[in-house]
């Protein structure tokens, strides 16, 4: 059998009601992770996750700790049912979740970092509103050329390489809007404005990165016992200082998700399990590598189903 990779989603994967089934089947686990996050995040994360409203849950300072806590609660539930990863990766915010699962960070320290990250990025959004858009049907080089032309007046840059068919740009409002207009004028292409109101993974997030550099010095980092594949360069990491640097650099650098998945596959992973409240990464993996198995474990029920399926596979190997 091949290796198992756990994947962790980023901002945008949150939805009102995430955690309801977990609260019903294992209230102790829900309290241990989601309710506990209320204090560290200084916000009613548990209530907002369960009841909303969506416009508050979607705020960067709320969404990031909410997604982080729920993903880790699902991971613990998976562990209790015999599912463990050989490698881990996370998309943007999800890389912090993956760092905890790898053993590089404690849950408490990871939650503190994510809460601070969310607050800092939210503050930049309020002071200097930016925008993001998904672009379909253009190559990285073609979109990069468009960004260079538009940026002569209004900054915009590629910030996510999610699949060969899906890229994301971020930047100033005028810059992103101009890219959207240009892309929509070309046959066979699509552009979709994203709800995230910030120029994430670009140089406009530099103030957040600088502040996080100081905050990260307060944290006790450990070498990972499970390899974590980096967003920025798609390379596996276990050394504490490299993981710390990666989590800092990714704030202003593009997410190279295609490279991340390709590295996991080259390392022997053929089963991918997304732990969070969405199926976004699962769908991307199926586009990048249709030959592998990708599953969305977004509820305890699905985790139980996956655990049973994995047990059958393990007992039938010859």
C-alpha atoms as a PDB file:
ATOM      1  CA  UNK A   1       0.000   0.000   0.000  1.00  0.00           C
ATOM      2  CA  UNK A   2       1.024   3.574  -0.613  1.00  0.00           C
ATOM      3  CA  UNK A   3       1.254   6.366   1.912  1.00  0.00           C
ATOM      4  CA  UNK A   4      -1.548   8.521   3.302  1.00  0.00           C
ATOM      5  CA  UNK A   5      -1.413  12.324   3.201  1.00  0.00           C
ATOM      6  CA  UNK A   6      -3.642  14.489   5.383  1.00  0.00           C
ATOM      7  CA  UNK A   7      -4.561  17.820   3.772  1.00  0.00           C
ATOM      8  CA  UNK A   8      -5.815  20.946   5.548  1.00  0.00           C
ATOM      9  CA  UNK A   9      -7.897  23.698   3.903  1.00  0.00           C
ATOM     10  CA  UNK A  10      -7.461  27.423   4.260  1.00  0.00           C
ATOM     11  CA  UNK A  11      -9.680  30.457   4.550  1.00  0.00           C
ATOM     12  CA  UNK A  12     -12.823  30.253   2.454  1.00  0.00           C
ATOM     13  CA  UNK A  13     -13.561  26.683   3.544  1.00  0.00           C
ATOM     14  CA  UNK A  14     -15.527  27.810   6.596  1.00  0.00           C
ATOM     15  CA  UNK A  15     -19.300  27.431   6.678  1.00  0.00           C
ATOM     16  CA  UNK A  16     -21.993  27.960   9.279  1.00  0.00           C
ATOM     17  CA  UNK A  17     -22.853  24.663  10.938  1.00  0.00           C
ATOM     18  CA  UNK A  18     -19.383  23.131  10.799  1.00  0.00           C
ATOM     19  CA  UNK A  19     -18.972  21.102  13.945  1.00  0.00           C
ATOM     20  CA  UNK A  20     -22.635  20.304  14.594  1.00  0.00           C
ATOM     21  CA  UNK A  21     -22.254  16.602  13.931  1.00  0.00           C
ATOM     22  CA  UNK A  22     -19.032  16.506  15.951  1.00  0.00           C
ATOM     23  CA  UNK A  23     -20.761  18.221  18.868  1.00  0.00           C
ATOM     24  CA  UNK A  24     -23.520  15.612  18.718  1.00  0.00           C
ATOM     25  CA  UNK A  25     -21.308  12.513  18.535  1.00  0.00           C
ATOM     26  CA  UNK A  26     -18.357  13.689  20.662  1.00  0.00           C
ATOM     27  CA  UNK A  27     -19.080  16.849  22.682  1.00  0.00           C
ATOM     28  CA  UNK A  28     -15.902  16.384  24.719  1.00  0.00           C
ATOM     29  CA  UNK A  29     -13.758  16.575  21.590  1.00  0.00           C
ATOM     30  CA  UNK A  30     -15.705  19.595  20.326  1.00  0.00           C
ATOM     31  CA  UNK A  31     -15.071  21.355  23.630  1.00  0.00           C
ATOM     32  CA  UNK A  32     -11.393  20.372  23.691  1.00  0.00           C
ATOM     33  CA  UNK A  33     -10.688  22.086  20.387  1.00  0.00           C
ATOM     34  CA  UNK A  34     -13.455  24.385  19.195  1.00  0.00           C
ATOM     35  CA  UNK A  35     -14.767  25.741  22.498  1.00  0.00           C
ATOM     36  CA  UNK A  36     -11.218  26.077  23.821  1.00  0.00           C
ATOM     37  CA  UNK A  37     -10.384  28.326  20.880  1.00  0.00           C
ATOM     38  CA  UNK A  38     -12.835  30.953  22.199  1.00  0.00           C
ATOM     39  CA  UNK A  39     -10.364  32.076  24.848  1.00  0.00           C
ATOM     40  CA  UNK A  40      -7.205  32.165  22.734  1.00  0.00           C
ATOM     41  CA  UNK A  41      -8.919  33.841  19.772  1.00  0.00           C
ATOM     42  CA  UNK A  42     -10.810  36.220  22.079  1.00  0.00           C
ATOM     43  CA  UNK A  43     -14.012  35.573  20.126  1.00  0.00           C
ATOM     44  CA  UNK A  44     -17.047  33.208  20.325  1.00  0.00           C
ATOM     45  CA  UNK A  45     -15.571  30.806  17.772  1.00  0.00           C
ATOM     46  CA  UNK A  46     -17.734  27.842  18.782  1.00  0.00           C
ATOM     47  CA  UNK A  47     -21.014  29.765  18.585  1.00  0.00           C
ATOM     48  CA  UNK A  48     -20.118  31.407  15.269  1.00  0.00           C
ATOM     49  CA  UNK A  49     -19.057  28.058  13.795  1.00  0.00           C
ATOM     50  CA  UNK A  50     -22.359  26.476  14.746  1.00  0.00           C
ATOM     51  CA  UNK A  51     -24.825  29.336  14.324  1.00  0.00           C
ATOM     52  CA  UNK A  52     -23.119  32.146  12.399  1.00  0.00           C
ATOM     53  CA  UNK A  53     -23.999  34.631  11.074  1.00  0.00           C
ATOM     54  CA  UNK A  54     -21.957  33.929   7.962  1.00  0.00           C
ATOM     55  CA  UNK A  55     -20.812  37.524   7.521  1.00  0.00           C
ATOM     56  CA  UNK A  56     -19.087  37.376  10.929  1.00  0.00           C
ATOM     57  CA  UNK A  57     -17.722  33.838  10.526  1.00  0.00           C
ATOM     58  CA  UNK A  58     -16.237  34.892   7.186  1.00  0.00           C
ATOM     59  CA  UNK A  59     -14.146  37.655   8.756  1.00  0.00           C
ATOM     60  CA  UNK A  60     -10.469  36.777   8.561  1.00  0.00           C
ATOM     61  CA  UNK A  61      -9.913  37.140  12.319  1.00  0.00           C
ATOM     62  CA  UNK A  62     -12.758  34.667  12.990  1.00  0.00           C
ATOM     63  CA  UNK A  63     -12.528  32.274  10.054  1.00  0.00           C
ATOM     64  CA  UNK A  64      -8.871  31.378  10.556  1.00  0.00           C
ATOM     65  CA  UNK A  65      -9.041  30.105  14.166  1.00  0.00           C
ATOM     66  CA  UNK A  66     -12.438  28.495  13.457  1.00  0.00           C
ATOM     67  CA  UNK A  67     -11.129  26.456  10.517  1.00  0.00           C
ATOM     68  CA  UNK A  68      -7.936  25.585  12.388  1.00  0.00           C
ATOM     69  CA  UNK A  69      -9.773  24.318  15.486  1.00  0.00           C
ATOM     70  CA  UNK A  70     -12.344  22.288  13.567  1.00  0.00           C
ATOM     71  CA  UNK A  71      -9.717  20.664  11.336  1.00  0.00           C
ATOM     72  CA  UNK A  72      -7.687  19.579  14.355  1.00  0.00           C
ATOM     73  CA  UNK A  73     -10.775  18.230  16.115  1.00  0.00           C
ATOM     74  CA  UNK A  74     -11.513  16.106  13.043  1.00  0.00           C
ATOM     75  CA  UNK A  75      -7.881  14.964  12.988  1.00  0.00           C
ATOM     76  CA  UNK A  76      -8.104  13.762  16.576  1.00  0.00           C
ATOM     77  CA  UNK A  77     -11.356  11.981  15.707  1.00  0.00           C
ATOM     78  CA  UNK A  78      -9.574  10.324  12.782  1.00  0.00           C
ATOM     79  CA  UNK A  79      -6.734   9.224  15.060  1.00  0.00           C
ATOM     80  CA  UNK A  80      -9.222   7.634  17.450  1.00  0.00           C
ATOM     81  CA  UNK A  81     -10.529   5.602  14.529  1.00  0.00           C
ATOM     82  CA  UNK A  82      -7.104   4.441  13.411  1.00  0.00           C
ATOM     83  CA  UNK A  83      -6.376   6.919  10.625  1.00  0.00           C
ATOM     84  CA  UNK A  84      -2.896   8.459  10.676  1.00  0.00           C
ATOM     85  CA  UNK A  85      -0.924  10.327   8.018  1.00  0.00           C
ATOM     86  CA  UNK A  86       2.499   9.508   6.642  1.00  0.00           C
ATOM     87  CA  UNK A  87       2.831  13.093   5.377  1.00  0.00           C
ATOM     88  CA  UNK A  88       0.871  16.335   5.756  1.00  0.00           C
ATOM     89  CA  UNK A  89       0.252  19.555   3.855  1.00  0.00           C
ATOM     90  CA  UNK A  90      -2.043  22.530   4.190  1.00  0.00           C
ATOM     91  CA  UNK A  91      -3.268  25.231   1.861  1.00  0.00           C
ATOM     92  CA  UNK A  92      -2.358  28.710   3.150  1.00  0.00           C
ATOM     93  CA  UNK A  93      -3.838  28.895   6.674  1.00  0.00           C
ATOM     94  CA  UNK A  94      -4.069  25.104   6.549  1.00  0.00           C
ATOM     95  CA  UNK A  95      -0.285  24.891   6.609  1.00  0.00           C
ATOM     96  CA  UNK A  96      -0.418  26.016  10.247  1.00  0.00           C
ATOM     97  CA  UNK A  97      -2.857  23.193  10.971  1.00  0.00           C
ATOM     98  CA  UNK A  98      -0.553  20.752   9.208  1.00  0.00           C
ATOM     99  CA  UNK A  99       2.377  22.027  11.288  1.00  0.00           C
ATOM    100  CA  UNK A 100       0.545  21.053  14.478  1.00  0.00           C
ATOM    101  CA  UNK A 101      -0.270  17.593  13.115  1.00  0.00           C
ATOM    102  CA  UNK A 102       3.368  17.172  12.067  1.00  0.00           C
ATOM    103  CA  UNK A 103       4.493  17.730  15.652  1.00  0.00           C
ATOM    104  CA  UNK A 104       6.299  21.016  14.993  1.00  0.00           C
ATOM    105  CA  UNK A 105       3.815  23.021  17.086  1.00  0.00           C
ATOM    106  CA  UNK A 106       1.525  22.373  20.022  1.00  0.00           C
ATOM    107  CA  UNK A 107      -2.195  22.951  19.541  1.00  0.00           C
ATOM    108  CA  UNK A 108      -2.081  25.891  21.958  1.00  0.00           C
ATOM    109  CA  UNK A 109       0.858  27.562  20.195  1.00  0.00           C
ATOM    110  CA  UNK A 110      -0.620  26.914  16.776  1.00  0.00           C
ATOM    111  CA  UNK A 111      -3.951  28.402  17.822  1.00  0.00           C
ATOM    112  CA  UNK A 112      -2.188  31.451  19.211  1.00  0.00           C
ATOM    113  CA  UNK A 113      -0.251  31.951  15.959  1.00  0.00           C
ATOM    114  CA  UNK A 114      -3.334  31.501  13.791  1.00  0.00           C
ATOM    115  CA  UNK A 115      -5.357  33.902  15.939  1.00  0.00           C
ATOM    116  CA  UNK A 116      -2.648  36.545  15.703  1.00  0.00           C
ATOM    117  CA  UNK A 117      -2.240  35.941  11.971  1.00  0.00           C
ATOM    118  CA  UNK A 118      -5.968  36.349  11.423  1.00  0.00           C
ATOM    119  CA  UNK A 119      -6.128  39.566  13.434  1.00  0.00           C
ATOM    120  CA  UNK A 120      -3.136  41.075  11.644  1.00  0.00           C
ATOM    121  CA  UNK A 121      -4.426  40.224   8.193  1.00  0.00           C
ATOM    122  CA  UNK A 122      -7.903  41.477   9.077  1.00  0.00           C
ATOM    123  CA  UNK A 123      -6.433  44.792  10.243  1.00  0.00           C
ATOM    124  CA  UNK A 124      -4.663  45.205   6.896  1.00  0.00           C
ATOM    125  CA  UNK A 125      -7.920  44.433   5.105  1.00  0.00           C
ATOM    126  CA  UNK A 126      -9.594  47.266   7.002  1.00  0.00           C
ATOM    127  CA  UNK A 127      -6.776  49.752   6.433  1.00  0.00           C
ATOM    128  CA  UNK A 128      -5.961  48.848   2.838  1.00  0.00           C
ATOM    129  CA  UNK A 129      -8.743  46.765   1.245  1.00  0.00           C
ATOM    130  CA  UNK A 130      -7.527  44.371  -1.399  1.00  0.00           C
ATOM    131  CA  UNK A 131      -9.148  41.703  -3.524  1.00  0.00           C
ATOM    132  CA  UNK A 132      -8.679  38.190  -4.893  1.00  0.00           C
ATOM    133  CA  UNK A 133     -10.004  36.408  -7.972  1.00  0.00           C
ATOM    134  CA  UNK A 134      -9.888  32.869  -9.337  1.00  0.00           C
ATOM    135  CA  UNK A 135      -8.757  32.653 -12.956  1.00  0.00           C
ATOM    136  CA  UNK A 136      -9.598  29.650 -15.142  1.00  0.00           C
ATOM    137  CA  UNK A 137      -8.230  28.860 -18.573  1.00  0.00           C
ATOM    138  CA  UNK A 138      -4.922  30.753 -18.563  1.00  0.00           C
ATOM    139  CA  UNK A 139      -1.394  29.436 -18.070  1.00  0.00           C
ATOM    140  CA  UNK A 140       0.839  30.755 -15.309  1.00  0.00           C
ATOM    141  CA  UNK A 141       3.041  32.520 -17.853  1.00  0.00           C
ATOM    142  CA  UNK A 142       0.118  34.143 -19.684  1.00  0.00           C
ATOM    143  CA  UNK A 143      -1.515  35.346 -16.480  1.00  0.00           C
ATOM    144  CA  UNK A 144       1.843  36.512 -15.152  1.00  0.00           C
ATOM    145  CA  UNK A 145       2.303  38.692 -18.215  1.00  0.00           C
ATOM    146  CA  UNK A 146      -1.143  40.220 -17.729  1.00  0.00           C
ATOM    147  CA  UNK A 147      -0.367  40.945 -14.074  1.00  0.00           C
ATOM    148  CA  UNK A 148       2.886  42.662 -15.052  1.00  0.00           C
ATOM    149  CA  UNK A 149       1.079  44.914 -17.513  1.00  0.00           C
ATOM    150  CA  UNK A 150      -1.752  45.810 -15.125  1.00  0.00           C
ATOM    151  CA  UNK A 151       0.682  46.343 -12.231  1.00  0.00           C
ATOM    152  CA  UNK A 152       2.256  49.265 -14.044  1.00  0.00           C
ATOM    153  CA  UNK A 153      -0.696  51.215 -12.645  1.00  0.00           C
ATOM    154  CA  UNK A 154      -2.464  48.943 -10.140  1.00  0.00           C
ATOM    155  CA  UNK A 155      -0.689  46.156  -8.244  1.00  0.00           C
ATOM    156  CA  UNK A 156      -1.899  42.591  -8.867  1.00  0.00           C
ATOM    157  CA  UNK A 157       0.001  39.292  -8.803  1.00  0.00           C
ATOM    158  CA  UNK A 158      -0.482  35.515  -8.988  1.00  0.00           C
ATOM    159  CA  UNK A 159      -0.858  34.177  -5.459  1.00  0.00           C
ATOM    160  CA  UNK A 160      -2.162  30.596  -5.831  1.00  0.00           C
ATOM    161  CA  UNK A 161      -1.330  27.883  -8.334  1.00  0.00           C
ATOM    162  CA  UNK A 162      -4.171  25.608  -7.257  1.00  0.00           C
ATOM    163  CA  UNK A 163      -4.295  23.324 -10.285  1.00  0.00           C
ATOM    164  CA  UNK A 164      -3.219  23.430 -13.927  1.00  0.00           C
ATOM    165  CA  UNK A 165      -6.649  24.913 -14.635  1.00  0.00           C
ATOM    166  CA  UNK A 166      -7.097  27.220 -11.645  1.00  0.00           C
ATOM    167  CA  UNK A 167      -4.942  30.167 -10.617  1.00  0.00           C
ATOM    168  CA  UNK A 168      -5.664  32.938  -8.123  1.00  0.00           C
ATOM    169  CA  UNK A 169      -4.573  36.561  -8.239  1.00  0.00           C
ATOM    170  CA  UNK A 170      -4.613  39.134  -5.478  1.00  0.00           C
ATOM    171  CA  UNK A 171      -3.787  42.803  -5.212  1.00  0.00           C
ATOM    172  CA  UNK A 172      -5.429  46.184  -5.083  1.00  0.00           C
ATOM    173  CA  UNK A 173      -9.134  46.454  -5.880  1.00  0.00           C
ATOM    174  CA  UNK A 174      -8.510  48.255  -9.213  1.00  0.00           C
ATOM    175  CA  UNK A 175      -5.792  45.804 -10.202  1.00  0.00           C
ATOM    176  CA  UNK A 176      -7.891  42.705  -9.572  1.00  0.00           C
ATOM    177  CA  UNK A 177     -10.929  44.237 -11.266  1.00  0.00           C
ATOM    178  CA  UNK A 178      -8.858  45.044 -14.361  1.00  0.00           C
ATOM    179  CA  UNK A 179      -7.550  41.472 -14.524  1.00  0.00           C
ATOM    180  CA  UNK A 180     -11.119  40.156 -14.221  1.00  0.00           C
ATOM    181  CA  UNK A 181     -12.277  42.382 -17.074  1.00  0.00           C
ATOM    182  CA  UNK A 182      -9.384  41.353 -19.333  1.00  0.00           C
ATOM    183  CA  UNK A 183      -9.818  37.639 -18.644  1.00  0.00           C
ATOM    184  CA  UNK A 184     -13.563  37.731 -19.216  1.00  0.00           C
ATOM    185  CA  UNK A 185     -12.995  39.364 -22.599  1.00  0.00           C
ATOM    186  CA  UNK A 186     -10.952  36.382 -23.798  1.00  0.00           C
ATOM    187  CA  UNK A 187     -12.636  33.239 -25.193  1.00  0.00           C
ATOM    188  CA  UNK A 188     -12.346  30.047 -23.149  1.00  0.00           C
ATOM    189  CA  UNK A 189     -11.440  31.793 -19.904  1.00  0.00           C
ATOM    190  CA  UNK A 190     -13.284  32.624 -16.704  1.00  0.00           C
ATOM    191  CA  UNK A 191     -12.693  34.965 -13.779  1.00  0.00           C
ATOM    192  CA  UNK A 192     -14.483  34.822 -10.440  1.00  0.00           C
ATOM    193  CA  UNK A 193     -14.141  37.400  -7.680  1.00  0.00           C
ATOM    194  CA  UNK A 194     -13.460  35.689  -4.326  1.00  0.00           C
ATOM    195  CA  UNK A 195     -15.055  36.679  -1.025  1.00  0.00           C
ATOM    196  CA  UNK A 196     -11.728  37.136   0.770  1.00  0.00           C
ATOM    197  CA  UNK A 197     -11.313  40.889   1.064  1.00  0.00           C
ATOM    198  CA  UNK A 198      -7.545  40.995   1.257  1.00  0.00           C
ATOM    199  CA  UNK A 199      -4.537  40.699  -1.019  1.00  0.00           C
ATOM    200  CA  UNK A 200      -3.365  37.487   0.652  1.00  0.00           C
ATOM    201  CA  UNK A 201       0.001  35.921  -0.275  1.00  0.00           C
ATOM    202  CA  UNK A 202       1.257  39.146  -1.797  1.00  0.00           C
ATOM    203  CA  UNK A 203       3.617  41.935  -0.752  1.00  0.00           C
ATOM    204  CA  UNK A 204       0.612  43.900   0.540  1.00  0.00           C
ATOM    205  CA  UNK A 205       0.645  41.493   3.520  1.00  0.00           C
ATOM    206  CA  UNK A 206       4.200  42.527   4.464  1.00  0.00           C
ATOM    207  CA  UNK A 207       3.134  44.342   7.688  1.00  0.00           C
ATOM    208  CA  UNK A 208       1.478  41.131   8.902  1.00  0.00           C
ATOM    209  CA  UNK A 209       4.568  39.124   8.026  1.00  0.00           C
ATOM    210  CA  UNK A 210       6.834  41.518   9.917  1.00  0.00           C
ATOM    211  CA  UNK A 211       4.639  41.362  13.008  1.00  0.00           C
ATOM    212  CA  UNK A 212       4.395  37.563  12.819  1.00  0.00           C
ATOM    213  CA  UNK A 213       8.189  37.337  12.680  1.00  0.00           C
ATOM    214  CA  UNK A 214       8.360  38.746  16.211  1.00  0.00           C
ATOM    215  CA  UNK A 215       5.414  36.681  17.466  1.00  0.00           C
ATOM    216  CA  UNK A 216       6.974  33.456  16.181  1.00  0.00           C
ATOM    217  CA  UNK A 217      10.033  34.073  18.325  1.00  0.00           C
ATOM    218  CA  UNK A 218       7.846  33.511  21.394  1.00  0.00           C
ATOM    219  CA  UNK A 219       6.921  29.987  20.287  1.00  0.00           C
ATOM    220  CA  UNK A 220       8.578  26.675  21.173  1.00  0.00           C
ATOM    221  CA  UNK A 221       9.218  24.990  17.829  1.00  0.00           C
ATOM    222  CA  UNK A 222      10.048  21.286  17.493  1.00  0.00           C
ATOM    223  CA  UNK A 223      11.348  19.120  14.685  1.00  0.00           C
ATOM    224  CA  UNK A 224       8.411  17.439  12.975  1.00  0.00           C
ATOM    225  CA  UNK A 225       7.953  13.677  13.250  1.00  0.00           C
ATOM    226  CA  UNK A 226       5.701  13.702  10.160  1.00  0.00           C
ATOM    227  CA  UNK A 227       7.061  15.425   7.022  1.00  0.00           C
ATOM    228  CA  UNK A 228       5.255  18.645   6.075  1.00  0.00           C
ATOM    229  CA  UNK A 229       5.330  19.742   2.423  1.00  0.00           C
ATOM    230  CA  UNK A 230       5.800  23.484   1.987  1.00  0.00           C
ATOM    231  CA  UNK A 231       3.429  25.853   0.168  1.00  0.00           C
ATOM    232  CA  UNK A 232       6.185  28.151  -1.052  1.00  0.00           C
ATOM    233  CA  UNK A 233       8.512  25.657  -2.754  1.00  0.00           C
ATOM    234  CA  UNK A 234       6.741  22.300  -2.592  1.00  0.00           C
ATOM    235  CA  UNK A 235       9.557  20.683  -0.600  1.00  0.00           C
ATOM    236  CA  UNK A 236       9.146  18.338   2.405  1.00  0.00           C
ATOM    237  CA  UNK A 237      10.340  19.663   5.759  1.00  0.00           C
ATOM    238  CA  UNK A 238      10.955  18.242   9.222  1.00  0.00           C
ATOM    239  CA  UNK A 239      13.433  20.705  10.741  1.00  0.00           C
ATOM    240  CA  UNK A 240      11.871  23.196  13.139  1.00  0.00           C
ATOM    241  CA  UNK A 241      13.651  26.267  11.777  1.00  0.00           C
ATOM    242  CA  UNK A 242      12.604  25.481   8.203  1.00  0.00           C
ATOM    243  CA  UNK A 243       8.961  25.043   9.178  1.00  0.00           C
ATOM    244  CA  UNK A 244       8.993  28.286  11.111  1.00  0.00           C
ATOM    245  CA  UNK A 245      10.518  30.131   8.139  1.00  0.00           C
ATOM    246  CA  UNK A 246       8.009  28.575   5.738  1.00  0.00           C
ATOM    247  CA  UNK A 247       5.009  29.636   7.835  1.00  0.00           C
ATOM    248  CA  UNK A 248       6.408  33.147   7.847  1.00  0.00           C
ATOM    249  CA  UNK A 249       7.327  33.349   4.160  1.00  0.00           C
ATOM    250  CA  UNK A 250       4.000  32.016   2.895  1.00  0.00           C
ATOM    251  CA  UNK A 251       2.206  35.120   4.181  1.00  0.00           C
ATOM    252  CA  UNK A 252       3.636  37.141   1.267  1.00  0.00           C
ATOM    253  CA  UNK A 253       4.424  34.372  -1.234  1.00  0.00           C
ATOM    254  CA  UNK A 254       2.271  32.323  -3.616  1.00  0.00           C
ATOM    255  CA  UNK A 255       0.793  28.964  -2.644  1.00  0.00           C
ATOM    256  CA  UNK A 256       2.305  26.389  -4.998  1.00  0.00           C
ATOM    257  CA  UNK A 257      -0.389  23.762  -4.497  1.00  0.00           C
ATOM    258  CA  UNK A 258       0.339  21.803  -7.682  1.00  0.00           C
ATOM    259  CA  UNK A 259       3.985  21.426  -6.633  1.00  0.00           C
ATOM    260  CA  UNK A 260       2.861  20.415  -3.136  1.00  0.00           C
ATOM    261  CA  UNK A 261       0.668  17.589  -4.413  1.00  0.00           C
ATOM    262  CA  UNK A 262       3.280  16.452  -6.942  1.00  0.00           C
ATOM    263  CA  UNK A 263       5.857  16.180  -4.141  1.00  0.00           C
ATOM    264  CA  UNK A 264       3.477  14.126  -1.994  1.00  0.00           C
ATOM    265  CA  UNK A 265       2.853  11.754  -4.895  1.00  0.00           C
ATOM    266  CA  UNK A 266       6.577  11.490  -5.681  1.00  0.00           C
ATOM    267  CA  UNK A 267       7.111  10.630  -1.998  1.00  0.00           C
ATOM    268  CA  UNK A 268       4.751   7.666  -2.295  1.00  0.00           C
ATOM    269  CA  UNK A 269       1.390   9.112  -1.257  1.00  0.00           C
ATOM    270  CA  UNK A 270      -1.565   7.670  -3.153  1.00  0.00           C
ATOM    271  CA  UNK A 271      -4.347   8.389  -0.659  1.00  0.00           C
ATOM    272  CA  UNK A 272      -5.260  11.972   0.235  1.00  0.00           C
ATOM    273  CA  UNK A 273      -7.664  12.848   3.049  1.00  0.00           C
ATOM    274  CA  UNK A 274      -8.872  16.426   3.488  1.00  0.00           C
ATOM    275  CA  UNK A 275      -9.811  17.229   7.089  1.00  0.00           C
ATOM    276  CA  UNK A 276     -11.931  20.355   7.344  1.00  0.00           C
ATOM    277  CA  UNK A 277     -15.349  21.689   6.490  1.00  0.00           C
ATOM    278  CA  UNK A 278     -15.030  21.632   2.706  1.00  0.00           C
ATOM    279  CA  UNK A 279     -14.122  19.502  -0.299  1.00  0.00           C
ATOM    280  CA  UNK A 280     -12.047  22.151  -2.069  1.00  0.00           C
ATOM    281  CA  UNK A 281      -8.659  20.450  -1.751  1.00  0.00           C
ATOM    282  CA  UNK A 282     -10.140  17.053  -2.555  1.00  0.00           C
ATOM    283  CA  UNK A 283     -11.447  18.391  -5.867  1.00  0.00           C
ATOM    284  CA  UNK A 284      -8.107  20.025  -6.655  1.00  0.00           C
ATOM    285  CA  UNK A 285      -6.212  16.787  -6.009  1.00  0.00           C
ATOM    286  CA  UNK A 286      -8.563  14.919  -8.355  1.00  0.00           C
ATOM    287  CA  UNK A 287      -7.820  17.489 -11.068  1.00  0.00           C
ATOM    288  CA  UNK A 288      -4.050  17.473 -10.489  1.00  0.00           C
ATOM    289  CA  UNK A 289      -3.730  13.681 -10.173  1.00  0.00           C
ATOM    290  CA  UNK A 290      -6.806  11.666 -11.232  1.00  0.00           C
ATOM    291  CA  UNK A 291      -4.931   8.422 -10.603  1.00  0.00           C
ATOM    292  CA  UNK A 292      -4.821   8.838  -6.796  1.00  0.00           C
ATOM    293  CA  UNK A 293      -7.576   8.428  -4.210  1.00  0.00           C
ATOM    294  CA  UNK A 294      -8.814  11.677  -2.646  1.00  0.00           C
ATOM    295  CA  UNK A 295     -11.443  11.922   0.076  1.00  0.00           C
ATOM    296  CA  UNK A 296     -13.129  14.767   1.943  1.00  0.00           C
ATOM    297  CA  UNK A 297     -13.436  13.906   5.642  1.00  0.00           C
ATOM    298  CA  UNK A 298     -15.576  16.890   6.604  1.00  0.00           C
ATOM    299  CA  UNK A 299     -17.731  15.123   9.216  1.00  0.00           C
ATOM    300  CA  UNK A 300     -17.200  12.393  11.835  1.00  0.00           C
ATOM    301  CA  UNK A 301     -19.480  10.102   9.825  1.00  0.00           C
ATOM    302  CA  UNK A 302     -17.219  10.318   6.779  1.00  0.00           C
ATOM    303  CA  UNK A 303     -14.162   9.673   8.934  1.00  0.00           C
ATOM    304  CA  UNK A 304     -15.718   6.442  10.217  1.00  0.00           C
ATOM    305  CA  UNK A 305     -16.492   5.380   6.641  1.00  0.00           C
ATOM    306  CA  UNK A 306     -12.907   6.088   5.576  1.00  0.00           C
ATOM    307  CA  UNK A 307     -11.480   4.225   8.562  1.00  0.00           C
ATOM    308  CA  UNK A 308     -13.561   1.169   7.699  1.00  0.00           C
ATOM    309  CA  UNK A 309     -12.504   1.358   4.053  1.00  0.00           C
ATOM    310  CA  UNK A 310      -8.851   1.658   5.050  1.00  0.00           C
ATOM    311  CA  UNK A 311      -9.159  -1.355   7.349  1.00  0.00           C
ATOM    312  CA  UNK A 312     -10.562  -3.423   4.499  1.00  0.00           C
ATOM    313  CA  UNK A 313      -7.684  -2.367   2.238  1.00  0.00           C
ATOM    314  CA  UNK A 314      -5.089  -3.234   4.881  1.00  0.00           C
ATOM    315  CA  UNK A 315      -6.557  -6.679   5.544  1.00  0.00           C
ATOM    316  CA  UNK A 316      -6.794  -7.605   1.851  1.00  0.00           C
ATOM    317  CA  UNK A 317      -3.232  -6.708   0.844  1.00  0.00           C
ATOM    318  CA  UNK A 318      -1.303  -9.767  -0.384  1.00  0.00           C
END
